[in-house]
């Protein structure tokens, strides 16, 4: 039987990348202000705020994709591991 070690390494790397992206988003969003600039004299802040919102939206999109891929790969690896353990144990199901 083949070993799952390379796949587990890929899964752990994806999980670390997902965590790193979450921490990066946290650092970026720390500079975000909860104020929407609409008044006169505040026009210079609008492009910065729009750029930050677009950057956070892109980080969120990639974060969702990485999370789904990581959880999906982890679930597949867990299923394969459990199946291999069941087959190697030689346990059979008997009905009736």
N, C-alpha and C. Protein backbone atom coordinates (compact mmCIF):
# COMPACT_ATOMS: atom_id res chain seq x y z
N UNK A 1 0.84 -1.19 0.00
CA UNK A 1 0.00 0.00 0.00
C UNK A 1 0.88 1.25 0.00
N UNK A 2 0.34 2.28 -0.55
CA UNK A 2 1.09 3.54 -0.62
C UNK A 2 0.96 4.30 0.69
N UNK A 3 1.91 5.15 0.91
CA UNK A 3 1.90 5.96 2.12
C UNK A 3 1.20 7.29 1.85
N UNK A 4 0.57 7.81 2.85
CA UNK A 4 -0.17 9.07 2.72
C UNK A 4 0.66 10.28 3.13
N UNK A 5 1.92 10.06 3.50
CA UNK A 5 2.76 11.13 4.03
C UNK A 5 2.86 12.34 3.09
N UNK A 6 3.11 12.18 1.79
CA UNK A 6 3.19 13.37 0.93
C UNK A 6 1.89 14.16 0.90
N UNK A 7 0.77 13.45 0.93
CA UNK A 7 -0.52 14.13 0.90
C UNK A 7 -0.81 14.86 2.21
N UNK A 8 -0.38 14.27 3.30
CA UNK A 8 -0.54 14.92 4.60
C UNK A 8 0.32 16.18 4.66
N UNK A 9 1.52 16.11 4.10
CA UNK A 9 2.40 17.29 4.06
C UNK A 9 1.75 18.40 3.25
N UNK A 10 1.14 18.04 2.12
CA UNK A 10 0.45 19.04 1.30
C UNK A 10 -0.72 19.64 2.07
N UNK A 11 -1.47 18.81 2.78
CA UNK A 11 -2.62 19.29 3.54
C UNK A 11 -2.17 20.22 4.68
N UNK A 12 -1.11 19.85 5.36
CA UNK A 12 -0.59 20.69 6.45
C UNK A 12 -0.06 22.02 5.88
N UNK A 13 0.57 21.97 4.73
CA UNK A 13 1.06 23.19 4.10
C UNK A 13 -0.10 24.10 3.71
N UNK A 14 -1.16 23.51 3.16
CA UNK A 14 -2.35 24.30 2.83
C UNK A 14 -2.98 24.91 4.08
N UNK A 15 -3.02 24.13 5.16
CA UNK A 15 -3.58 24.65 6.41
C UNK A 15 -2.73 25.81 6.94
N UNK A 16 -1.41 25.67 6.83
CA UNK A 16 -0.53 26.75 7.28
C UNK A 16 -0.70 27.99 6.41
N UNK A 17 -0.88 27.80 5.10
CA UNK A 17 -1.11 28.93 4.21
C UNK A 17 -2.43 29.61 4.53
N UNK A 18 -3.44 28.83 4.85
CA UNK A 18 -4.74 29.40 5.22
C UNK A 18 -4.63 30.21 6.50
N UNK A 19 -3.93 29.66 7.48
CA UNK A 19 -3.72 30.38 8.73
C UNK A 19 -2.91 31.65 8.50
N UNK A 20 -1.88 31.55 7.67
CA UNK A 20 -1.07 32.73 7.36
C UNK A 20 -1.88 33.81 6.68
N UNK A 21 -2.75 33.41 5.77
CA UNK A 21 -3.60 34.38 5.09
C UNK A 21 -4.58 35.04 6.07
N UNK A 22 -5.09 34.26 7.02
CA UNK A 22 -5.99 34.83 8.04
C UNK A 22 -5.25 35.85 8.91
N UNK A 23 -4.03 35.52 9.28
CA UNK A 23 -3.24 36.47 10.08
C UNK A 23 -2.89 37.72 9.28
N UNK A 24 -2.57 37.53 8.00
CA UNK A 24 -2.28 38.67 7.12
C UNK A 24 -3.51 39.57 7.01
N UNK A 25 -4.69 38.97 6.87
CA UNK A 25 -5.91 39.76 6.79
C UNK A 25 -6.14 40.54 8.09
N UNK A 26 -5.85 39.89 9.19
CA UNK A 26 -6.00 40.54 10.50
C UNK A 26 -5.09 41.76 10.60
N UNK A 27 -3.85 41.63 10.13
CA UNK A 27 -2.92 42.76 10.17
C UNK A 27 -3.36 43.88 9.23
N UNK A 28 -3.83 43.52 8.05
CA UNK A 28 -4.28 44.53 7.09
C UNK A 28 -5.53 45.25 7.60
N UNK A 29 -6.46 44.49 8.17
CA UNK A 29 -7.71 45.11 8.62
C UNK A 29 -7.53 45.93 9.89
N UNK A 30 -6.39 45.81 10.56
CA UNK A 30 -6.14 46.62 11.75
C UNK A 30 -6.03 48.09 11.38
N UNK A 31 -5.62 48.38 10.15
CA UNK A 31 -5.50 49.76 9.70
C UNK A 31 -6.84 50.33 9.21
N UNK A 32 -7.85 49.48 9.12
CA UNK A 32 -9.15 49.91 8.62
C UNK A 32 -9.88 50.74 9.67
N UNK A 33 -10.49 51.80 9.22
CA UNK A 33 -11.28 52.63 10.11
C UNK A 33 -12.75 52.35 9.86
N UNK A 34 -13.54 52.43 10.89
CA UNK A 34 -14.97 52.13 10.78
C UNK A 34 -15.78 53.35 10.37
N UNK A 35 -15.12 54.30 9.76
CA UNK A 35 -15.79 55.53 9.34
C UNK A 35 -15.83 55.57 7.82
N UNK A 36 -16.98 55.92 7.28
CA UNK A 36 -17.11 56.10 5.83
C UNK A 36 -16.99 57.59 5.56
N UNK A 37 -16.04 57.94 4.72
CA UNK A 37 -15.77 59.34 4.43
C UNK A 37 -16.68 59.81 3.30
N UNK A 38 -17.57 60.74 3.62
CA UNK A 38 -18.50 61.27 2.64
C UNK A 38 -18.51 62.79 2.58
N UNK A 39 -18.04 63.43 3.61
CA UNK A 39 -18.13 64.88 3.70
C UNK A 39 -17.08 65.60 2.88
N UNK A 40 -17.27 66.92 2.78
CA UNK A 40 -16.31 67.74 2.05
C UNK A 40 -15.01 67.79 2.84
N UNK A 41 -13.92 67.77 2.12
CA UNK A 41 -12.61 67.79 2.74
C UNK A 41 -12.09 66.39 3.07
N UNK A 42 -12.93 65.40 2.92
CA UNK A 42 -12.53 64.03 3.21
C UNK A 42 -12.34 63.21 1.93
N UNK A 43 -12.39 63.88 0.79
CA UNK A 43 -12.28 63.18 -0.48
C UNK A 43 -10.96 62.45 -0.63
N UNK A 44 -9.92 62.94 -0.01
CA UNK A 44 -8.60 62.31 -0.14
C UNK A 44 -8.56 60.93 0.53
N UNK A 45 -9.46 60.67 1.47
CA UNK A 45 -9.49 59.39 2.16
C UNK A 45 -10.28 58.31 1.42
N UNK A 46 -11.14 58.75 0.49
CA UNK A 46 -12.01 57.80 -0.20
C UNK A 46 -11.22 56.79 -1.04
N UNK A 47 -10.23 57.19 -1.84
CA UNK A 47 -9.49 56.19 -2.62
C UNK A 47 -8.73 55.18 -1.75
N UNK A 48 -8.19 55.65 -0.65
CA UNK A 48 -7.48 54.74 0.26
C UNK A 48 -8.44 53.73 0.86
N UNK A 49 -9.61 54.20 1.26
CA UNK A 49 -10.59 53.31 1.85
C UNK A 49 -11.13 52.31 0.82
N UNK A 50 -11.33 52.76 -0.40
CA UNK A 50 -11.78 51.86 -1.46
C UNK A 50 -10.73 50.81 -1.78
N UNK A 51 -9.47 51.23 -1.82
CA UNK A 51 -8.38 50.29 -2.11
C UNK A 51 -8.26 49.24 -1.01
N UNK A 52 -8.40 49.66 0.23
CA UNK A 52 -8.32 48.73 1.35
C UNK A 52 -9.50 47.75 1.32
N UNK A 53 -10.68 48.24 0.98
CA UNK A 53 -11.86 47.36 0.89
C UNK A 53 -11.68 46.33 -0.23
N UNK A 54 -11.12 46.77 -1.37
CA UNK A 54 -10.88 45.84 -2.48
C UNK A 54 -9.82 44.81 -2.10
N UNK A 55 -8.79 45.24 -1.40
CA UNK A 55 -7.73 44.32 -0.96
C UNK A 55 -8.27 43.28 0.02
N UNK A 56 -9.09 43.73 0.97
CA UNK A 56 -9.70 42.80 1.92
C UNK A 56 -10.65 41.83 1.23
N UNK A 57 -11.38 42.30 0.23
CA UNK A 57 -12.28 41.42 -0.51
C UNK A 57 -11.50 40.33 -1.24
N UNK A 58 -10.35 40.68 -1.81
CA UNK A 58 -9.52 39.70 -2.51
C UNK A 58 -8.94 38.69 -1.52
N UNK A 59 -8.50 39.16 -0.38
CA UNK A 59 -7.97 38.26 0.65
C UNK A 59 -9.07 37.32 1.13
N UNK A 60 -10.27 37.85 1.32
CA UNK A 60 -11.40 37.01 1.75
C UNK A 60 -11.73 35.94 0.72
N UNK A 61 -11.69 36.31 -0.56
CA UNK A 61 -11.98 35.34 -1.62
C UNK A 61 -10.97 34.19 -1.58
N UNK A 62 -9.69 34.51 -1.52
CA UNK A 62 -8.67 33.47 -1.48
C UNK A 62 -8.71 32.68 -0.18
N UNK A 63 -9.09 33.35 0.90
CA UNK A 63 -9.23 32.64 2.17
C UNK A 63 -10.32 31.59 2.12
N UNK A 64 -11.44 31.93 1.50
CA UNK A 64 -12.53 30.96 1.36
C UNK A 64 -12.11 29.78 0.48
N UNK A 65 -11.43 30.08 -0.62
CA UNK A 65 -10.99 29.01 -1.52
C UNK A 65 -10.00 28.10 -0.81
N UNK A 66 -9.02 28.67 -0.14
CA UNK A 66 -8.03 27.86 0.59
C UNK A 66 -8.67 27.04 1.69
N UNK A 67 -9.63 27.61 2.39
CA UNK A 67 -10.31 26.87 3.45
C UNK A 67 -11.07 25.68 2.90
N UNK A 68 -11.80 25.88 1.82
CA UNK A 68 -12.57 24.79 1.22
C UNK A 68 -11.65 23.69 0.72
N UNK A 69 -10.55 24.07 0.05
CA UNK A 69 -9.61 23.07 -0.46
C UNK A 69 -8.96 22.31 0.68
N UNK A 70 -8.56 23.02 1.73
CA UNK A 70 -7.90 22.37 2.87
C UNK A 70 -8.84 21.40 3.59
N UNK A 71 -10.05 21.83 3.85
CA UNK A 71 -11.01 20.96 4.53
C UNK A 71 -11.38 19.78 3.65
N UNK A 72 -11.57 20.02 2.36
CA UNK A 72 -11.89 18.93 1.44
C UNK A 72 -10.78 17.90 1.36
N UNK A 73 -9.55 18.36 1.21
CA UNK A 73 -8.41 17.44 1.16
C UNK A 73 -8.25 16.70 2.48
N UNK A 74 -8.43 17.39 3.59
CA UNK A 74 -8.35 16.73 4.89
C UNK A 74 -9.41 15.66 5.06
N UNK A 75 -10.62 15.93 4.59
CA UNK A 75 -11.69 14.94 4.69
C UNK A 75 -11.41 13.72 3.82
N UNK A 76 -10.90 13.96 2.62
CA UNK A 76 -10.55 12.85 1.73
C UNK A 76 -9.42 12.01 2.35
N UNK A 77 -8.41 12.67 2.88
CA UNK A 77 -7.31 11.94 3.51
C UNK A 77 -7.79 11.14 4.72
N UNK A 78 -8.67 11.71 5.51
CA UNK A 78 -9.21 10.99 6.67
C UNK A 78 -10.00 9.77 6.22
N UNK A 79 -10.80 9.92 5.16
CA UNK A 79 -11.57 8.79 4.65
C UNK A 79 -10.66 7.69 4.12
N UNK A 80 -9.62 8.07 3.39
CA UNK A 80 -8.67 7.08 2.87
C UNK A 80 -7.95 6.37 4.00
N UNK A 81 -7.54 7.13 5.01
CA UNK A 81 -6.84 6.53 6.16
C UNK A 81 -7.75 5.54 6.89
N UNK A 82 -8.98 5.93 7.12
CA UNK A 82 -9.92 5.04 7.81
C UNK A 82 -10.22 3.80 6.99
N UNK A 83 -10.34 3.96 5.68
CA UNK A 83 -10.59 2.81 4.81
C UNK A 83 -9.39 1.86 4.84
N UNK A 84 -8.18 2.42 4.75
CA UNK A 84 -6.98 1.57 4.79
C UNK A 84 -6.88 0.84 6.12
N UNK A 85 -7.18 1.52 7.21
CA UNK A 85 -7.13 0.88 8.53
C UNK A 85 -8.16 -0.23 8.62
N UNK A 86 -9.33 -0.03 8.06
CA UNK A 86 -10.39 -1.03 8.09
C UNK A 86 -10.00 -2.25 7.25
N UNK A 87 -9.44 -2.01 6.06
CA UNK A 87 -9.03 -3.11 5.20
C UNK A 87 -7.89 -3.90 5.83
N UNK A 88 -6.91 -3.20 6.41
CA UNK A 88 -5.76 -3.88 7.00
C UNK A 88 -6.11 -4.63 8.28
N UNK A 89 -7.20 -4.26 8.92
CA UNK A 89 -7.58 -4.96 10.15
C UNK A 89 -8.22 -6.31 9.82
N UNK A 90 -8.66 -6.49 8.60
CA UNK A 90 -9.26 -7.75 8.18
C UNK A 90 -10.66 -7.96 8.71
N UNK A 91 -11.27 -6.94 9.20
CA UNK A 91 -12.61 -7.05 9.76
C UNK A 91 -13.62 -7.12 8.61
N UNK A 92 -14.52 -8.07 8.73
CA UNK A 92 -15.59 -8.18 7.74
C UNK A 92 -16.92 -8.00 8.45
N UNK A 93 -17.85 -7.51 7.70
CA UNK A 93 -19.19 -7.32 8.24
C UNK A 93 -20.04 -8.54 7.89
N UNK A 94 -20.77 -9.01 8.87
CA UNK A 94 -21.67 -10.14 8.64
C UNK A 94 -23.09 -9.69 8.98
N UNK A 95 -23.95 -9.93 8.04
CA UNK A 95 -25.35 -9.59 8.23
C UNK A 95 -26.16 -10.87 8.40
N UNK A 96 -27.06 -10.86 9.32
CA UNK A 96 -27.99 -11.98 9.46
C UNK A 96 -27.68 -12.99 10.47
